[in-house]
Amino acid sequence: MRRLEMRIHGRVQGVFFRAETRRAARAFGVVGMVRNEPNGAVHVIAEGPESVLRQLKTFCHKGPPSAIVHDVEESWQKPTGSFHEFEITY
């Protein structure tokens, strides 16, 4: 089990990025959260098997059809176990 934290930059707010990330994360069976940041980025924290987190990472590098991703900052860590499902937070 691993924890992946990402900040996605580009045209990622107002294009269903959070909703589609939640859908993908739940389909992959990982837990965590996604939220918009004041600077226009989207922040994702996900915990699960590394191979599955890599699939979520691949999704976040592209996003939904109307998103334009310019950069993804990522950080791999040990999981904290603080999440029970994958949710959109505010």
Protein backbone atom coordinates (compact mmCIF):
# COMPACT_ATOMS: atom_id res chain seq x y z
CA MET A 1 0.00 0.00 0.00
CA ARG A 2 1.16 3.50 -0.89
CA ARG A 3 -0.03 7.09 -0.74
CA LEU A 4 0.13 9.32 -3.81
CA GLU A 5 -0.35 13.06 -3.51
CA MET A 6 -0.73 15.10 -6.71
CA ARG A 7 -1.32 18.71 -7.65
CA ILE A 8 -2.62 19.03 -11.17
CA HIS A 9 -2.14 22.34 -12.99
CA GLY A 10 -3.75 23.64 -16.17
CA ARG A 11 -7.40 24.08 -17.13
CA VAL A 12 -8.59 21.67 -14.45
CA GLN A 13 -11.31 23.57 -12.59
CA GLY A 14 -14.81 23.88 -13.97
CA VAL A 15 -14.31 20.91 -16.33
CA PHE A 16 -15.56 18.06 -14.08
CA PHE A 17 -12.00 17.09 -13.10
CA ARG A 18 -12.94 16.36 -9.47
CA ALA A 19 -16.03 14.33 -10.35
CA GLU A 20 -14.20 12.29 -12.97
CA THR A 21 -11.23 11.73 -10.65
CA ARG A 22 -13.59 10.47 -7.95
CA ARG A 23 -15.28 8.16 -10.46
CA ALA A 24 -11.92 6.78 -11.64
CA ALA A 25 -10.56 6.38 -8.10
CA ARG A 26 -13.66 4.51 -6.96
CA ALA A 27 -13.49 2.27 -10.04
CA PHE A 28 -9.85 1.52 -9.21
CA GLY A 29 -10.78 0.83 -5.58
CA VAL A 30 -8.57 3.45 -3.94
CA VAL A 31 -9.45 5.80 -1.09
CA GLY A 32 -8.64 9.47 -0.61
CA MET A 33 -9.85 12.88 -1.68
CA VAL A 34 -9.82 15.46 -4.45
CA ARG A 35 -10.37 19.21 -4.11
CA ASN A 36 -9.91 22.49 -5.95
CA GLU A 37 -7.19 24.81 -4.69
CA PRO A 38 -7.41 28.61 -4.66
CA ASN A 39 -4.54 28.88 -7.18
CA GLY A 40 -6.55 26.99 -9.84
CA ALA A 41 -4.91 23.59 -9.33
CA VAL A 42 -6.60 20.35 -8.28
CA HIS A 43 -5.19 18.49 -5.26
CA VAL A 44 -5.49 14.69 -5.08
CA ILE A 45 -4.52 12.36 -2.25
CA ALA A 46 -5.03 8.67 -2.90
CA GLU A 47 -4.10 5.50 -1.00
CA GLY A 48 -4.03 1.97 -2.35
CA PRO A 49 -1.80 -0.52 -4.14
CA GLU A 50 0.98 1.22 -6.06
CA SER A 51 0.03 -0.39 -9.38
CA VAL A 52 -3.51 0.98 -9.09
CA LEU A 53 -2.30 4.41 -7.98
CA ARG A 54 -0.18 4.52 -11.13
CA GLN A 55 -3.36 4.01 -13.17
CA LEU A 56 -5.00 6.93 -11.34
CA LYS A 57 -1.87 9.00 -11.98
CA THR A 58 -2.15 8.23 -15.70
CA PHE A 59 -5.77 9.40 -15.64
CA CYS A 60 -4.80 12.64 -13.85
CA HIS A 61 -2.16 13.43 -16.48
CA LYS A 62 -5.00 13.63 -19.01
CA GLY A 63 -8.20 14.28 -17.06
CA PRO A 64 -11.69 14.47 -18.57
CA PRO A 65 -12.10 15.52 -22.23
CA SER A 66 -12.47 19.27 -21.56
CA ALA A 67 -9.44 19.49 -19.24
CA ILE A 68 -6.02 20.67 -20.34
CA VAL A 69 -3.30 19.39 -18.00
CA HIS A 70 -0.03 21.32 -18.10
CA ASP A 71 1.81 19.81 -15.13
CA VAL A 72 1.36 17.22 -12.39
CA GLU A 73 3.40 17.49 -9.21
CA GLU A 74 3.53 14.17 -7.40
CA SER A 75 4.77 12.84 -4.10
CA TRP A 76 4.84 9.17 -3.04
CA GLN A 77 4.55 8.44 0.69
CA LYS A 78 3.58 5.80 3.20
CA PRO A 79 -0.21 5.54 3.63
CA THR A 80 -1.81 7.05 6.73
CA GLY A 81 -5.02 5.02 6.65
CA SER A 82 -7.04 8.16 7.33
CA PHE A 83 -9.44 7.66 4.40
CA HIS A 84 -12.32 5.19 4.15
CA GLU A 85 -13.58 6.08 0.66
CA PHE A 86 -12.72 8.52 -2.14
CA GLU A 87 -14.50 11.86 -1.82
CA ILE A 88 -14.61 15.37 -3.18
CA THR A 89 -13.74 17.80 -0.39
CA TYR A 90 -14.11 21.57 -0.23
